Protein backbone atom coordinates (compact mmCIF):
# COMPACT_ATOMS: atom_id res chain seq x y z
CA MET A 1 14.25 0.04 7.47
CA LEU A 2 11.17 -0.75 9.69
CA LYS A 3 10.99 -2.87 12.81
CA VAL A 4 7.66 -3.72 14.41
CA ARG A 5 7.78 -5.51 17.75
CA ASP A 6 4.91 -6.88 19.83
CA LEU A 7 2.51 -4.29 18.64
CA HIS A 8 -1.02 -4.09 20.24
CA LYS A 9 -4.08 -2.05 19.40
CA ASN A 10 -7.38 -2.84 21.04
CA PHE A 11 -10.94 -1.35 20.75
CA VAL A 12 -13.45 -1.79 23.55
CA VAL A 13 -17.04 -2.53 22.53
CA GLY A 14 -19.00 -1.49 25.66
CA HIS A 15 -22.54 -2.52 26.83
CA GLY A 16 -25.16 -0.31 28.43
CA ALA A 17 -25.45 -0.03 32.17
CA LEU A 18 -27.89 -2.99 32.39
CA GLY A 19 -25.98 -5.09 29.94
CA ARG A 20 -22.81 -5.03 32.02
CA PHE A 21 -24.52 -7.02 34.71
CA GLN A 22 -24.69 -10.03 32.53
CA HIS A 23 -22.07 -9.45 29.87
CA PRO A 24 -18.60 -8.15 30.12
CA ASP A 25 -17.32 -5.58 27.68
CA HIS A 26 -15.83 -7.09 24.52
CA VAL A 27 -12.23 -6.34 23.38
CA ILE A 28 -11.52 -6.26 19.70
CA LYS A 29 -7.76 -7.26 19.58
CA ALA A 30 -7.28 -5.54 16.14
CA VAL A 31 -3.55 -5.90 16.46
CA ASP A 32 -2.52 -8.57 18.79
CA GLY A 33 1.30 -8.74 19.42
CA VAL A 34 2.40 -8.29 15.74
CA SER A 35 6.14 -8.31 14.94
CA PHE A 36 7.93 -8.12 11.67
CA ASP A 37 10.85 -6.39 9.83
CA VAL A 38 10.96 -4.67 6.42
CA ALA A 39 14.29 -4.35 4.83
CA ALA A 40 15.42 -1.53 2.47
CA GLY A 41 14.04 -2.14 -1.04
CA GLU A 42 11.83 -4.92 0.14
CA ILE A 43 8.06 -5.57 -0.48
CA LEU A 44 6.37 -7.20 2.50
CA GLY A 45 3.02 -8.39 1.66
CA ILE A 46 0.34 -8.61 4.53
CA VAL A 47 -2.60 -10.82 3.59
CA GLY A 48 -5.76 -12.01 5.45
CA GLU A 49 -9.55 -11.76 5.35
CA SER A 50 -11.56 -8.73 5.97
CA GLY A 51 -11.50 -7.99 9.74
CA SER A 52 -8.02 -9.59 10.42
CA GLY A 53 -6.53 -6.25 11.44
CA LYS A 54 -4.54 -5.38 8.32
CA THR A 55 -5.85 -1.72 8.09
CA THR A 56 -5.52 -1.05 11.81
CA LEU A 57 -1.98 -2.32 11.50
CA ALA A 58 -1.22 0.15 8.78
CA ARG A 59 -2.73 3.04 10.59
CA THR A 60 -0.90 2.22 13.74
CA ILE A 61 2.52 1.98 11.97
CA LEU A 62 1.69 5.39 10.33
CA ARG A 63 0.77 6.97 13.74
CA LEU A 64 -2.76 7.53 12.51
CA SER A 65 -3.98 5.34 15.40
CA ARG A 66 -2.29 5.30 18.75
CA ALA A 67 -0.86 1.94 19.79
CA ASP A 68 -1.68 0.38 23.15
CA SER A 69 1.78 -1.17 23.48
CA GLY A 70 4.78 -2.32 21.49
CA SER A 71 7.36 -0.80 19.32
CA VAL A 72 7.57 0.57 15.78
CA ARG A 73 11.23 1.58 14.83
CA TYR A 74 11.82 3.35 11.65
CA ARG A 75 15.58 3.53 10.72
CA GLY A 76 16.47 2.96 14.30
CA VAL A 77 14.13 5.61 15.93
CA GLU A 78 11.09 4.73 17.86
CA VAL A 79 8.09 6.06 15.88
CA LEU A 80 5.57 5.88 18.80
CA ASP A 81 7.73 8.46 20.77
CA MET A 82 8.35 10.93 17.83
CA GLN A 83 7.23 14.48 18.20
CA GLY A 84 7.52 17.81 16.43
CA LYS A 85 10.11 17.99 13.63
CA GLU A 86 11.09 14.28 13.94
CA LEU A 87 7.46 13.25 13.37
CA LYS A 88 7.03 15.52 10.48
CA GLN A 89 10.13 14.05 8.91
CA PHE A 90 8.88 10.66 9.42
CA ARG A 91 5.66 11.45 7.63
CA ARG A 92 7.52 12.88 4.74
CA GLU A 93 9.56 9.59 4.33
CA VAL A 94 6.75 7.12 5.10
CA GLN A 95 3.76 7.71 2.94
CA PRO A 96 0.48 5.94 2.82
CA ILE A 97 -1.67 4.93 -0.22
CA PHE A 98 -5.15 4.05 0.87
CA GLN A 99 -7.73 1.79 -0.60
CA ASP A 100 -10.44 4.41 -1.09
CA ALA A 101 -8.84 7.33 -2.93
CA ASP A 102 -12.19 9.15 -2.92
CA SER A 103 -12.02 9.70 0.84
CA THR A 104 -8.44 11.08 0.67
CA LEU A 105 -8.84 13.54 -2.26
CA ASP A 106 -10.57 16.87 -1.69
CA PRO A 107 -13.46 17.07 -4.13
CA HIS A 108 -13.21 20.83 -4.01
CA GLN A 109 -9.49 20.89 -5.10
CA SER A 110 -8.10 20.48 -8.56
CA VAL A 111 -5.55 17.77 -9.12
CA SER A 112 -2.84 20.38 -9.34
CA SER A 113 -3.65 21.61 -5.96
CA ILE A 114 -4.09 18.26 -4.44
CA LEU A 115 -0.56 17.39 -5.62
CA GLN A 116 1.07 20.61 -4.48
CA GLU A 117 -0.45 20.45 -1.06
CA PRO A 118 2.14 18.04 0.50
CA LEU A 119 4.96 20.14 -1.00
CA LEU A 120 3.55 23.25 0.63
CA ILE A 121 3.04 21.54 3.93
CA HIS A 122 6.60 20.46 4.10
CA GLY A 123 8.04 23.63 2.61
CA VAL A 124 9.51 21.97 -0.46
CA GLY A 125 10.85 24.35 -3.21
CA ASP A 126 9.42 27.49 -4.63
CA GLU A 127 6.48 27.85 -6.86
CA GLU A 128 8.33 26.93 -10.14
CA GLN A 129 10.05 23.97 -8.46
CA ARG A 130 6.80 22.59 -7.20
CA ARG A 131 5.12 22.89 -10.69
CA TRP A 132 8.10 20.88 -12.04
CA ALA A 133 7.82 18.27 -9.50
CA VAL A 134 4.09 17.90 -10.03
CA SER A 135 4.74 17.53 -13.79
CA ALA A 136 7.44 14.92 -13.21
CA VAL A 137 5.16 12.78 -10.91
CA MET A 138 2.33 13.02 -13.44
CA ARG A 139 4.64 11.37 -15.93
CA ASN A 140 5.53 8.83 -13.49
CA VAL A 141 1.99 7.68 -12.86
CA ASN A 142 1.11 7.95 -16.54
CA LEU A 143 -1.35 10.85 -16.32
CA ALA A 144 -1.46 13.50 -18.93
CA PRO A 145 -0.93 17.24 -18.02
CA SER A 146 -4.51 17.95 -19.03
CA PHE A 147 -5.64 16.13 -15.84
CA LEU A 148 -4.16 18.80 -13.54
CA ASN A 149 -7.23 21.13 -14.02
CA ARG A 150 -9.67 18.44 -13.41
CA HIS A 151 -11.40 17.64 -10.01
CA PRO A 152 -11.61 14.11 -8.46
CA SER A 153 -15.28 13.71 -9.53
CA GLU A 154 -14.14 13.95 -13.18
CA LEU A 155 -11.71 11.13 -12.85
CA SER A 156 -12.21 7.38 -13.08
CA GLY A 157 -11.43 5.15 -10.11
CA GLY A 158 -8.15 4.15 -11.58
CA GLN A 159 -7.26 7.77 -12.43
CA ARG A 160 -7.99 8.75 -8.83
CA GLN A 161 -5.79 6.02 -7.45
CA ARG A 162 -2.92 7.24 -9.82
CA VAL A 163 -3.35 10.73 -8.38
CA ALA A 164 -3.20 9.21 -4.76
CA MET A 165 0.03 7.45 -5.76
CA GLY A 166 1.54 10.54 -7.29
CA ARG A 167 0.72 12.49 -4.06
CA ALA A 168 2.48 9.99 -2.06
CA LEU A 169 5.55 9.85 -4.30
CA LEU A 170 5.96 13.64 -4.44
CA LEU A 171 7.94 13.82 -1.24
CA GLU A 172 10.33 11.11 -2.36
CA PRO A 173 9.47 8.59 0.43
CA ARG A 174 11.75 5.77 1.46
CA LEU A 175 8.78 3.53 2.59
CA ILE A 176 5.15 3.28 1.26
CA VAL A 177 2.41 1.51 3.22
CA ALA A 178 -0.16 0.68 0.59
CA ASP A 179 -3.53 -0.46 1.99
CA GLU A 180 -5.51 -2.36 -0.75
CA PRO A 181 -4.27 -0.09 -3.47
CA THR A 182 -6.06 -2.06 -6.21
CA SER A 183 -9.16 -3.01 -4.39
CA GLY A 184 -12.45 -2.14 -6.22
CA LEU A 185 -10.73 -1.46 -9.60
CA ASP A 186 -11.40 -3.36 -12.80
CA PRO A 187 -8.83 -6.22 -13.09
CA LEU A 188 -7.05 -4.45 -16.07
CA VAL A 189 -6.79 -1.19 -14.17
CA ALA A 190 -5.75 -3.05 -11.06
CA ALA A 191 -3.01 -4.80 -12.95
CA GLN A 192 -1.78 -1.48 -14.37
CA ILE A 193 -1.58 0.12 -10.92
CA LEU A 194 0.24 -2.84 -9.46
CA SER A 195 2.70 -2.81 -12.39
CA LEU A 196 3.16 0.94 -11.94
CA LEU A 197 3.83 0.59 -8.25
CA LEU A 198 6.40 -2.21 -8.80
CA GLY A 199 8.11 -0.15 -11.50
CA LEU A 200 8.40 2.80 -9.12
CA LYS A 201 9.79 0.48 -6.44
CA ARG A 202 12.45 -0.88 -8.76
CA GLU A 203 13.42 2.69 -10.07
CA ARG A 204 13.52 4.30 -6.61
CA GLY A 205 14.49 1.45 -4.32
CA LEU A 206 11.27 2.02 -2.31
CA SER A 207 10.37 -0.32 0.57
CA ILE A 208 6.68 -1.12 0.56
CA VAL A 209 4.25 -2.65 2.96
CA LEU A 210 1.58 -4.08 0.63
CA ILE A 211 -1.71 -4.83 2.41
CA THR A 212 -4.23 -6.85 0.57
CA HIS A 213 -6.69 -9.71 0.70
CA ASP A 214 -5.77 -10.74 -3.02
CA LEU A 215 -3.69 -13.84 -2.82
CA ASP A 216 -2.49 -13.64 -6.48
CA THR A 217 -1.34 -10.07 -5.96
CA VAL A 218 0.58 -10.83 -2.74
CA ALA A 219 2.29 -13.88 -4.21
CA TYR A 220 3.28 -12.09 -7.41
CA ALA A 221 4.46 -8.90 -5.89
CA SER A 222 5.99 -9.58 -2.44
CA ASP A 223 9.50 -10.68 -1.47
CA ARG A 224 7.92 -11.87 1.85
CA VAL A 225 4.39 -12.60 2.97
CA GLY A 226 2.91 -12.22 6.41
CA VAL A 227 -0.47 -13.80 7.07
CA MET A 228 -2.78 -12.25 9.70
CA TYR A 229 -5.71 -13.82 11.41
CA ARG A 230 -7.76 -12.17 14.27
CA GLY A 231 -4.94 -9.44 14.71
CA ARG A 232 -2.04 -11.94 14.82
CA VAL A 233 0.63 -12.84 12.42
CA VAL A 234 0.27 -16.64 11.99
CA GLU A 235 2.89 -17.25 9.22
CA THR A 236 5.73 -15.44 7.34
CA ILE A 237 7.06 -17.09 4.19
CA GLY A 238 8.94 -16.05 1.09
CA GLY A 239 6.75 -14.68 -1.75
CA ALA A 240 7.90 -17.31 -4.16
CA GLU A 241 7.10 -20.07 -1.73
CA PHE A 242 3.78 -18.77 -0.54
CA ARG A 243 1.43 -20.79 -2.72
CA HIS A 244 3.14 -24.15 -2.48
CA GLY A 245 5.02 -24.04 0.89
CA ALA A 246 2.48 -22.67 3.35
CA LEU A 247 2.12 -24.79 6.48
CA HIS A 248 -0.32 -22.92 8.86
CA PRO A 249 -3.83 -24.33 8.64
CA TYR A 250 -5.36 -20.84 8.13
CA THR A 251 -3.02 -20.02 5.31
CA ARG A 252 -3.63 -23.32 3.77
CA LEU A 253 -7.40 -22.68 4.11
CA LEU A 254 -6.94 -19.33 2.23
CA LEU A 255 -5.12 -21.17 -0.56
CA GLY A 256 -7.70 -24.00 -0.78
CA LEU A 257 -5.33 -26.55 0.63
CA ASP A 258 -7.03 -27.19 3.92
CA GLU A 259 -10.50 -27.33 5.56
CA MET A 260 -12.01 -25.62 8.49
CA LEU A 261 -14.33 -26.89 11.24
CA GLY A 262 -17.74 -25.47 11.84
CA GLN A 263 -19.09 -22.96 9.47
CA PRO A 264 -18.08 -23.62 5.96
CA VAL A 265 -18.27 -19.83 5.26
CA LEU A 266 -16.18 -17.40 7.11
CA GLN A 267 -18.53 -14.94 9.04
CA GLU A 268 -16.96 -11.38 8.98
CA GLY A 269 -17.38 -9.43 12.08
CA VAL A 270 -18.01 -12.47 14.38
CA HIS A 271 -14.50 -13.90 14.79
CA GLU A 272 -12.84 -10.45 15.58
CA HIS A 273 -14.73 -9.95 18.85
CA VAL A 274 -12.67 -11.63 21.60
CA HIS A 275 -13.10 -11.51 25.43
CA VAL A 276 -9.97 -10.14 26.87
CA PHE A 277 -9.52 -13.23 29.05
CA GLU A 278 -9.48 -15.70 26.26
CA GLN A 279 -6.16 -17.73 25.93
CA GLY A 280 -4.90 -20.13 23.26
CA CYS A 281 -4.47 -20.14 19.41
CA ALA A 282 -6.89 -17.54 17.75
CA TYR A 283 -7.66 -20.13 15.05
CA VAL A 284 -8.37 -23.14 17.42
CA ASN A 285 -12.19 -23.26 17.01
CA SER A 286 -11.89 -23.58 13.09
CA CYS A 287 -8.78 -25.53 12.96
CA PRO A 288 -9.19 -29.35 11.87
CA HIS A 289 -5.84 -30.21 13.39
CA HIS A 290 -6.10 -28.70 16.78
CA VAL A 291 -4.83 -30.36 19.94
CA HIS A 292 -5.39 -29.93 23.69
CA GLU A 293 -2.45 -27.36 23.81
CA CYS A 294 -4.01 -25.23 21.23
CA HIS A 295 -6.86 -24.28 23.65
CA HIS A 296 -4.66 -22.99 26.48
CA ASP A 297 -1.40 -21.66 24.92
CA SER A 298 -1.00 -19.11 22.21
CA PRO A 299 1.60 -20.33 19.80
CA ALA A 300 4.62 -18.14 19.18
CA LEU A 301 6.10 -17.78 15.58
CA ARG A 302 8.87 -20.40 15.19
CA GLU A 303 11.35 -20.84 12.35
CA VAL A 304 10.48 -24.04 10.51
CA SER A 305 13.05 -23.36 7.74
CA PRO A 306 15.21 -20.42 6.84
CA GLY A 307 13.05 -17.38 6.68
CA HIS A 308 9.77 -19.29 7.14
CA PHE A 309 8.02 -18.70 10.48
CA VAL A 310 4.70 -20.40 11.68
CA ALA A 311 2.79 -20.01 14.83
CA CYS A 312 1.20 -23.39 15.25
CA HIS A 313 1.60 -26.13 17.94
CA VAL A 314 1.12 -29.00 15.55
CA VAL A 315 2.82 -27.76 12.40
CA GLY A 316 5.90 -29.82 13.28
CA GLN A 317 3.65 -33.04 13.69
CA ARG A 318 1.87 -32.60 10.41
CA ARG A 319 4.54 -30.98 8.22
CA GLU A 320 5.46 -34.01 6.26
CA LEU A 321 1.88 -35.03 5.73
CA TRP A 322 1.00 -31.68 4.43
CA ARG A 323 4.00 -31.63 2.09
CA VAL A 324 3.03 -34.96 0.74
CA GLY A 325 -0.43 -33.67 0.07
CA MET A 326 0.94 -30.60 -1.65
CA LYS A 327 2.95 -32.71 -4.09
CA ARG A 328 -0.08 -34.58 -5.34
């Protein structure tokens, strides 16, 4: 369904004219050589701390941000080269659900107008058919017809997220990219949204890229999990094995199975600024297991067991030790 290969997206943080004499510009490697596949009907979870590049990855896949290099192929066609009708069709079949529904819902429109808008843009049906489609999707996301006349400001956070989901589903997409769809919601509401998304996936056979920092959510919902750190995927593993079978030191840190050198608390916004000439493993300065090679050579994802890939120079050496520790 979706094949991402060696995808890169950088942002340059420049200095003033005087600052450049002593400091080179910084490059934020928001997406740094990411590769993965999503099969039809599969949920791929992408997890990582804030600043790891998850949202930039989503925006680049969706063509909302321009990639610097790499490939995104949807059903065999290169997304980064799409134009005109081909791109419009892609945007009909691949729909986003963003974290902040407030920023994507026009406060001046009613729910009815918000939901009909994508149908009008893509020329789907006549007025009666559009009303029927909107009514059907309201039932799918468990919202009463009375909500159609309300505006976003009159809805709760969970209700706004359901409207955003309904809008994404109206065009009957094949793939949904959901970026933190339950973040900021009450636990009960978040569980309802997640259950609704999984139910729709089963009913419609949707493929989903589920981006989150919630480890419980990703372990429960995903067929496979990709772990991102500083723009790179450092491990991919089956969802059922995620909690007890992770081997990369960063994944194990997230799960509370490993320690980190240096600061005991992750400092958001510091680790993501990288000089363009830096080499080696992105996690080397925080990893308690690093060796000389880690400072000079960026590890590639290697298959350590069927379907389980890890980007780590020392994982093979310490694998049995970690497995013993996990059984305790």
